[in-house]
Structures are given as C-alpha cells and as structure tokens.
Amino acid sequence: MPLMILAGCLLFFVALIMLANGLKPVEAPSIGKRLEGLQAAGSDKQSLRDADEMNKSFIVRVVLPLADKLSKVFSGITPATALESCRKDIASAGMTGKVSPVQITTLSYMLLITLPSFFYFLTAVKVERTSQDYMIILIAAVLGYRMPMGFIQGKAKKRKHEIQKALPFTLDLISISVEAGMALDGAMAIVAEKTRGPLTDELNLTLREIRLGKGRNEALLDLGQRVDVDDLKSFLTAVTYISRLGGSLVEVIRIQANAMRIKRRQRAEEKAMKTPVKIMIPLVIFIFPSMFIVILGPAGMQLVENLQNAPVGG
C-alpha cells in the first residue's frame, strides 16, 4: 500500500508539472533566428517547420492534438454551461488562442479514465482489494477530472491578483495622461508602452481591437468581461457610461483613480487586521503544546516518580 500511494503521488505531480510546462506560453522565435535557421537548413522549409514544431512542449505537440481528436467523442456529454465557464476561465488566465474549452474538458475526461485505470492495474497484483484501494481509485478519478480545470483556474486567480495590484498605478498614469490633454486611447497606449504585466497585455489587445474597427466602448466592455476583475469592470462601466452621455472623462477617471487608491489601502488594512487571527493557528497547534511540554514536562515526570516511590500502605 505505501508503494502504491508513493507511485500515485509521483504520477500526479509528474502530470501536474507536464501540464504546467505544456500550457506555458512559448516565446516566438525572432525573425533573425528564423532567417538563420532557414539559411542553415539550405532553404529547406520542411526542416524549419519541423524545428519549430519540436520546440513546442509534449503537451502542445501530442496531448492537445489527441484531445482535439477525442473531443468528438466527449462533446456530446459536455454541458454547454461547462464549456462557457471553461471559456471564461481560459480568458481570465490569458490563454485564449493557446487552448480551447473543448481541449480542456476532453483532457479532463482523459485523465478521469487514465489515472483510476493506473491505480486499478497497480492493485491487480494483490489477492484481494481492500476498501482503501477503491477509495484511492475514486480519489484518483476526482483528481484527474479536476486537474486541468484546477490548473486553469489557479492561473486565472493568480493573473487576476496581479491585475488588481497593478490597477491603481495604471489608472493613475491614465488619469495623468488624460489630464494632460490626451485622448483615452492615447493614454492607454502610453501606459501599455511604459508598463509590463498582464494588465498591459490586456490593454494592448484592447487597443488592437479598436484599431481593427471595433468601437471603443464595446472594446472596453469586452476587456472587463475577459479580465473579470470587479474594480476594473466598475471603472470601465463608468467610463463607457460617461462616454455615451458626452460628459468629461477627466473628472470621472480622476474619481475612479482615487477610489482605486482608497480600495487598495482598505485591502491592506484588512490583511493587517487578519494577521493576528492567522498567527493564532500555528501558535495553538505548534508553539503552545511545545511550551506546555517544556514547562509542565519536568513537573509531570517528578509527580509520576513520587507516586511510584510512595509507600503502599502510607
């Protein structure tokens, strides 16, 4: 049994690492590197395509295409609400265009089958399976089904946190640029040029949509839906509302930037107030028992020794 649990944990962490590395964005090679590769290959386009393909991870080259082929089998049993929820999580994680909801749900079904099957055949050598074996198989099925979506949701949560942290500073820059006389699009372009991070990537995507002909208000609302951060959605809703009414954006952006700074300070104060409560958990579980053992241990040992040495008839 310990060997089976160890093998299962090892398989689970290997699968998690492969999934994380496989869905990691791959940096596109520069034009100079591609030209050097083309020249070294003697203008062999097939060799260049093969080299680009081999630079991709195993998940992207093998697992996701296999999920695409198997998606026809599992598409009928996947609810539309699950696909829509997966699409939102993928957009929030910034992985739109890298993976699709069908690929993620199909990968969940694949792991739902493969992980329990691994444990089932691992316990086949035993004469009789116990209830613990079946419990481990059930847990493996649940973990296998939840692992792809859990990875996407974890990545989305981390990205939302980074966007929320960068939002007050970004709105300050936009407010300063708009007060200096720039249009909102120009202010967003300046901020996207001077900063780095997930919020900058989303601003660049919004600006690209505006340049391609999408209306500014529609592009801003799409930005709020993609990112799914409440503070950003409230800012974009106020900006689009004032833009439709024809009011002044300068005052609205200044008010929203001040509100973001206040919210950031309130969140910091909230975390500071929660710190004593969080400290109590390790104190009660780890430190207090150790202190009681050190303080009361010698007295307890002396009491036991006195009771043992006491005369019986006394």
Protein backbone atom coordinates (compact mmCIF):
# COMPACT_ATOMS: atom_id res chain seq x y z
CA MET A 1 0.00 0.00 0.00
CA PRO A 2 2.72 2.65 0.79
CA LEU A 3 4.40 1.82 -2.52
CA MET A 4 1.13 2.32 -4.39
CA ILE A 5 0.45 5.64 -2.67
CA LEU A 6 4.00 6.82 -3.41
CA ALA A 7 3.69 5.83 -7.07
CA GLY A 8 0.33 7.57 -7.32
CA CYS A 9 1.63 10.79 -5.77
CA LEU A 10 4.64 10.71 -8.09
CA LEU A 11 2.39 10.20 -11.13
CA PHE A 12 0.10 13.02 -10.04
CA PHE A 13 2.93 15.54 -9.58
CA VAL A 14 4.56 14.49 -12.86
CA ALA A 15 1.25 15.02 -14.67
CA LEU A 16 0.80 18.40 -12.95
CA ILE A 17 4.32 19.54 -13.91
CA MET A 18 3.80 18.38 -17.51
CA LEU A 19 0.52 20.26 -17.67
CA ALA A 20 2.07 23.43 -16.25
CA ASN A 21 5.05 23.28 -18.63
CA GLY A 22 2.92 22.29 -21.59
CA LEU A 23 0.47 25.17 -21.22
CA LYS A 24 3.20 27.70 -20.52
CA PRO A 25 3.33 30.36 -23.26
CA VAL A 26 6.19 29.68 -25.63
CA GLU A 27 8.23 32.64 -26.77
CA ALA A 28 8.05 33.01 -30.53
CA PRO A 29 11.42 32.98 -32.27
CA SER A 30 12.62 36.27 -33.66
CA ILE A 31 12.81 36.99 -37.38
CA GLY A 32 16.61 36.92 -37.28
CA LYS A 33 16.65 33.47 -35.70
CA ARG A 34 14.16 32.18 -38.22
CA LEU A 35 16.26 33.55 -41.10
CA GLU A 36 19.38 31.97 -39.63
CA GLY A 37 17.56 28.67 -39.34
CA LEU A 38 16.31 28.97 -42.89
CA GLN A 39 19.81 29.70 -44.16
CA ALA A 40 21.35 26.85 -42.16
CA ALA A 41 18.75 24.45 -43.49
CA GLY A 42 19.58 25.38 -47.05
CA SER A 43 16.18 26.94 -47.69
CA ASP A 44 14.54 23.71 -46.59
CA LYS A 45 11.08 24.82 -45.42
CA GLN A 46 10.19 21.39 -44.14
CA SER A 47 13.21 21.36 -41.83
CA LEU A 48 12.28 24.80 -40.50
CA ARG A 49 8.72 23.69 -39.80
CA ASP A 50 9.99 20.56 -38.07
CA ALA A 51 12.35 22.61 -35.90
CA ASP A 52 9.54 24.98 -34.88
CA GLU A 53 7.30 22.02 -34.10
CA MET A 54 9.92 20.31 -31.93
CA ASN A 55 10.43 23.49 -29.92
CA LYS A 56 6.90 23.08 -28.58
CA SER A 57 6.22 21.08 -25.44
CA PHE A 58 4.95 17.49 -25.34
CA ILE A 59 1.53 18.67 -24.17
CA VAL A 60 1.14 21.04 -27.13
CA ARG A 61 2.55 18.60 -29.70
CA VAL A 62 0.88 15.37 -28.60
CA VAL A 63 -1.70 15.69 -25.82
CA LEU A 64 -3.73 18.65 -27.11
CA PRO A 65 -3.99 17.27 -30.70
CA LEU A 66 -5.10 13.95 -29.19
CA ALA A 67 -7.68 15.84 -27.15
CA ASP A 68 -8.90 17.51 -30.35
CA LYS A 69 -9.42 14.12 -31.97
CA LEU A 70 -11.22 12.72 -28.94
CA SER A 71 -13.35 15.85 -28.49
CA LYS A 72 -15.89 14.46 -30.97
CA VAL A 73 -16.47 11.56 -28.60
CA PHE A 74 -16.89 13.67 -25.45
CA SER A 75 -18.55 16.75 -26.95
CA GLY A 76 -21.98 15.17 -26.66
CA ILE A 77 -21.73 14.63 -22.91
CA THR A 78 -20.21 18.01 -22.04
CA PRO A 79 -22.82 20.62 -21.00
CA ALA A 80 -22.77 23.97 -22.76
CA THR A 81 -22.60 25.74 -19.39
CA ALA A 82 -19.39 23.86 -18.53
CA LEU A 83 -17.82 24.89 -21.85
CA GLU A 84 -18.84 28.52 -21.30
CA SER A 85 -17.43 28.52 -17.77
CA CYS A 86 -14.22 26.98 -19.07
CA ARG A 87 -14.02 29.62 -21.81
CA LYS A 88 -14.28 32.40 -19.21
CA ASP A 89 -11.58 30.82 -17.06
CA ILE A 90 -9.29 30.47 -20.09
CA ALA A 91 -9.85 34.13 -20.98
CA SER A 92 -9.16 35.21 -17.39
CA ALA A 93 -5.96 33.14 -17.41
CA GLY A 94 -4.80 34.90 -20.59
CA MET A 95 -4.66 31.65 -22.55
CA THR A 96 -7.18 32.44 -25.27
CA GLY A 97 -5.88 31.07 -28.55
CA LYS A 98 -3.48 28.67 -26.80
CA VAL A 99 -6.08 26.16 -25.61
CA SER A 100 -9.80 25.78 -26.20
CA PRO A 101 -12.58 24.80 -23.76
CA VAL A 102 -13.13 21.58 -25.71
CA GLN A 103 -9.47 20.63 -25.30
CA ILE A 104 -9.52 21.25 -21.55
CA THR A 105 -12.76 19.33 -20.95
CA THR A 106 -11.59 16.45 -23.13
CA LEU A 107 -8.28 16.39 -21.25
CA SER A 108 -10.27 16.16 -18.02
CA TYR A 109 -12.15 13.13 -19.35
CA MET A 110 -8.88 11.54 -20.48
CA LEU A 111 -7.34 11.91 -17.01
CA LEU A 112 -10.61 10.75 -15.45
CA ILE A 113 -10.08 7.44 -17.27
CA THR A 114 -6.29 7.05 -17.21
CA LEU A 115 -5.47 7.86 -13.57
CA PRO A 116 -8.00 5.44 -12.00
CA SER A 117 -7.01 2.81 -14.57
CA PHE A 118 -3.38 3.15 -13.49
CA PHE A 119 -4.29 2.54 -9.85
CA TYR A 120 -6.67 -0.26 -10.81
CA PHE A 121 -3.98 -2.20 -12.65
CA LEU A 122 -1.46 -1.34 -9.93
CA THR A 123 -3.63 -3.12 -7.38
CA ALA A 124 -4.35 -6.04 -9.72
CA VAL A 125 -1.34 -7.94 -8.31
CA LYS A 126 -2.99 -8.12 -4.90
CA VAL A 127 -5.07 -11.14 -4.00
CA GLU A 128 -7.95 -9.05 -2.76
CA ARG A 129 -8.54 -5.33 -3.00
CA THR A 130 -9.44 -3.50 0.17
CA SER A 131 -11.76 -0.56 0.68
CA GLN A 132 -8.70 1.70 0.82
CA ASP A 133 -7.75 0.62 -2.70
CA TYR A 134 -11.16 1.57 -4.05
CA MET A 135 -11.03 4.85 -2.14
CA ILE A 136 -7.66 5.69 -3.73
CA ILE A 137 -9.05 4.82 -7.18
CA LEU A 138 -12.02 7.13 -6.54
CA ILE A 139 -9.76 9.96 -5.35
CA ALA A 140 -7.57 9.48 -8.44
CA ALA A 141 -10.64 9.81 -10.66
CA VAL A 142 -11.70 13.05 -8.95
CA LEU A 143 -8.17 14.49 -9.09
CA GLY A 144 -7.75 13.50 -12.73
CA TYR A 145 -11.00 15.18 -13.71
CA ARG A 146 -10.31 18.36 -11.76
CA MET A 147 -6.59 18.77 -12.52
CA PRO A 148 -6.82 20.56 -15.95
CA MET A 149 -9.54 22.96 -14.84
CA GLY A 150 -7.86 23.44 -11.46
CA PHE A 151 -4.67 24.47 -13.23
CA ILE A 152 -6.55 26.94 -15.45
CA GLN A 153 -8.50 28.39 -12.51
CA GLY A 154 -5.34 28.72 -10.41
CA LYS A 155 -3.59 30.54 -13.23
CA ALA A 156 -6.63 32.79 -13.71
CA LYS A 157 -6.77 33.61 -9.98
CA LYS A 158 -3.07 34.49 -9.91
CA ARG A 159 -3.45 36.67 -13.01
CA LYS A 160 -6.47 38.49 -11.55
CA HIS A 161 -4.47 39.21 -8.40
CA GLU A 162 -1.61 40.67 -10.46
CA ILE A 163 -4.04 42.82 -12.45
CA GLN A 164 -5.72 44.08 -9.29
CA LYS A 165 -2.35 45.02 -7.80
CA ALA A 166 -1.32 46.92 -10.94
CA LEU A 167 -4.69 48.63 -11.42
CA PRO A 168 -4.25 51.70 -9.10
CA PHE A 169 -0.87 52.60 -10.60
CA THR A 170 -2.20 52.10 -14.14
CA LEU A 171 -5.25 54.28 -13.51
CA ASP A 172 -3.01 57.00 -12.06
CA LEU A 173 -0.97 57.01 -15.27
CA ILE A 174 -4.12 57.11 -17.39
CA SER A 175 -5.52 59.93 -15.26
CA ILE A 176 -2.33 62.00 -15.59
CA SER A 177 -2.21 61.44 -19.36
CA VAL A 178 -5.87 62.39 -19.85
CA GLU A 179 -5.47 65.50 -17.70
CA ALA A 180 -2.51 66.46 -19.88
CA GLY A 181 -4.84 66.59 -22.88
CA MET A 182 -4.52 63.13 -24.41
CA ALA A 183 -7.46 61.03 -25.52
CA LEU A 184 -8.29 57.86 -23.63
CA ASP A 185 -6.93 55.67 -26.43
CA GLY A 186 -3.66 57.58 -26.45
CA ALA A 187 -3.38 57.39 -22.66
CA MET A 188 -3.92 53.64 -22.78
CA ALA A 189 -1.24 53.34 -25.47
CA ILE A 190 1.24 55.32 -23.37
CA VAL A 191 0.55 53.17 -20.32
CA ALA A 192 0.86 49.97 -22.39
CA GLU A 193 4.20 51.21 -23.71
CA LYS A 194 5.65 52.14 -20.31
CA THR A 195 4.47 49.19 -18.21
CA ARG A 196 4.68 45.40 -18.29
CA GLY A 197 2.40 42.69 -16.97
CA PRO A 198 -0.97 41.00 -17.55
CA LEU A 199 -2.89 44.29 -17.46
CA THR A 200 -0.55 45.71 -20.11
CA ASP A 201 -1.21 42.68 -22.32
CA GLU A 202 -4.95 43.21 -22.00
CA LEU A 203 -4.62 46.92 -22.82
CA ASN A 204 -2.59 46.07 -25.92
CA LEU A 205 -5.25 43.59 -27.02
CA THR A 206 -7.99 46.21 -26.49
CA LEU A 207 -6.07 48.81 -28.47
CA ARG A 208 -5.55 46.28 -31.27
CA GLU A 209 -9.29 45.63 -31.39
CA ILE A 210 -10.00 49.36 -31.58
CA ARG A 211 -7.53 49.77 -34.44
CA LEU A 212 -9.22 46.92 -36.29
CA GLY A 213 -12.53 48.76 -36.23
CA LYS A 214 -14.31 47.73 -33.03
CA GLY A 215 -16.00 50.54 -31.15
CA ARG A 216 -14.12 51.87 -28.14
CA ASN A 217 -16.95 51.32 -25.68
CA GLU A 218 -17.51 47.79 -26.94
CA ALA A 219 -13.78 47.01 -26.73
CA LEU A 220 -13.63 48.35 -23.17
CA LEU A 221 -16.61 46.26 -22.09
CA ASP A 222 -15.00 43.19 -23.68
CA LEU A 223 -11.86 43.98 -21.68
CA GLY A 224 -13.87 43.91 -18.46
CA GLN A 225 -15.52 40.61 -19.40
CA ARG A 226 -12.17 38.99 -20.27
CA VAL A 227 -10.33 40.05 -17.14
CA ASP A 228 -13.30 39.60 -14.75
CA VAL A 229 -11.87 41.89 -12.04
CA ASP A 230 -14.59 43.84 -10.25
CA ASP A 231 -12.55 47.04 -9.78
CA LEU A 232 -11.62 47.18 -13.46
CA LYS A 233 -15.19 46.40 -14.55
CA SER A 234 -16.56 49.25 -12.42
CA PHE A 235 -14.00 51.66 -13.90
CA LEU A 236 -14.78 50.62 -17.47
CA THR A 237 -18.53 50.79 -16.85
CA ALA A 238 -18.22 54.36 -15.55
CA VAL A 239 -16.02 55.40 -18.49
CA THR A 240 -18.33 53.93 -21.13
CA TYR A 241 -21.40 55.42 -19.43
CA ILE A 242 -19.92 58.93 -19.35
CA SER A 243 -18.68 58.48 -22.92
CA ARG A 244 -22.22 57.71 -24.10
CA LEU A 245 -23.61 60.74 -22.24
CA GLY A 246 -20.92 63.02 -23.65
CA GLY A 247 -19.54 64.09 -20.28
CA SER A 248 -15.97 64.85 -19.28
CA LEU A 249 -13.77 61.81 -18.91
CA VAL A 250 -11.11 63.70 -16.95
CA GLU A 251 -13.18 64.06 -13.80
CA VAL A 252 -14.52 60.51 -13.98
CA ILE A 253 -11.06 58.97 -14.41
CA ARG A 254 -9.69 61.12 -11.55
CA ILE A 255 -12.51 59.98 -9.23
CA GLN A 256 -12.05 56.34 -10.22
CA ALA A 257 -8.27 56.55 -9.69
CA ASN A 258 -8.80 57.99 -6.20
CA ALA A 259 -11.34 55.26 -5.44
CA MET A 260 -8.85 52.59 -6.51
CA ARG A 261 -6.20 54.02 -4.18
CA ILE A 262 -8.68 54.01 -1.30
CA LYS A 263 -9.67 50.41 -2.03
CA ARG A 264 -6.03 49.37 -2.16
CA ARG A 265 -5.43 50.95 1.26
CA GLN A 266 -8.56 49.31 2.66
CA ARG A 267 -7.44 45.89 1.38
CA ALA A 268 -4.03 46.40 3.00
CA GLU A 269 -5.69 47.33 6.30
CA GLU A 270 -7.97 44.30 6.05
CA LYS A 271 -5.00 41.97 5.58
CA ALA A 272 -3.26 43.63 8.53
CA MET A 273 -6.33 43.05 10.72
CA LYS A 274 -6.45 39.37 9.70
CA THR A 275 -2.81 38.76 10.58
CA PRO A 276 -3.29 38.22 14.37
CA VAL A 277 -6.05 35.69 13.70
CA LYS A 278 -3.86 33.78 11.23
CA ILE A 279 -0.95 33.80 13.69
CA MET A 280 -3.14 32.10 16.32
CA ILE A 281 -3.36 28.90 14.23
CA PRO A 282 0.36 27.97 14.33
CA LEU A 283 0.53 29.24 17.92
CA VAL A 284 -2.21 26.90 19.12
CA ILE A 285 -1.14 23.90 17.02
CA PHE A 286 2.65 24.03 17.28
CA ILE A 287 4.02 26.54 19.81
CA PHE A 288 1.66 26.19 22.79
CA PRO A 289 1.96 22.37 23.01
CA SER A 290 5.74 22.64 22.90
CA MET A 291 5.69 25.26 25.67
CA PHE A 292 3.42 23.07 27.81
CA ILE A 293 5.74 20.10 27.35
CA VAL A 294 8.82 22.14 28.30
CA ILE A 295 7.18 23.84 31.31
CA LEU A 296 4.97 21.06 32.68
CA GLY A 297 7.02 18.06 31.50
CA PRO A 298 9.56 18.02 34.38
CA ALA A 299 6.83 18.59 36.95
CA GLY A 300 4.78 15.74 35.49
CA MET A 301 7.76 13.38 35.47
CA GLN A 302 8.55 14.28 39.10
CA LEU A 303 4.91 13.67 40.09
CA VAL A 304 4.89 10.25 38.43
CA GLU A 305 8.18 9.34 40.13
CA ASN A 306 6.85 10.38 43.55
CA LEU A 307 3.69 8.34 43.05
CA GLN A 308 5.73 5.28 42.11
CA ASN A 309 8.05 5.62 45.10
CA ALA A 310 5.27 6.31 47.60
CA PRO A 311 4.71 3.56 50.19
CA VAL A 312 1.69 1.38 49.53
CA GLY A 313 0.23 1.43 52.99
CA GLY A 314 1.01 5.08 53.64
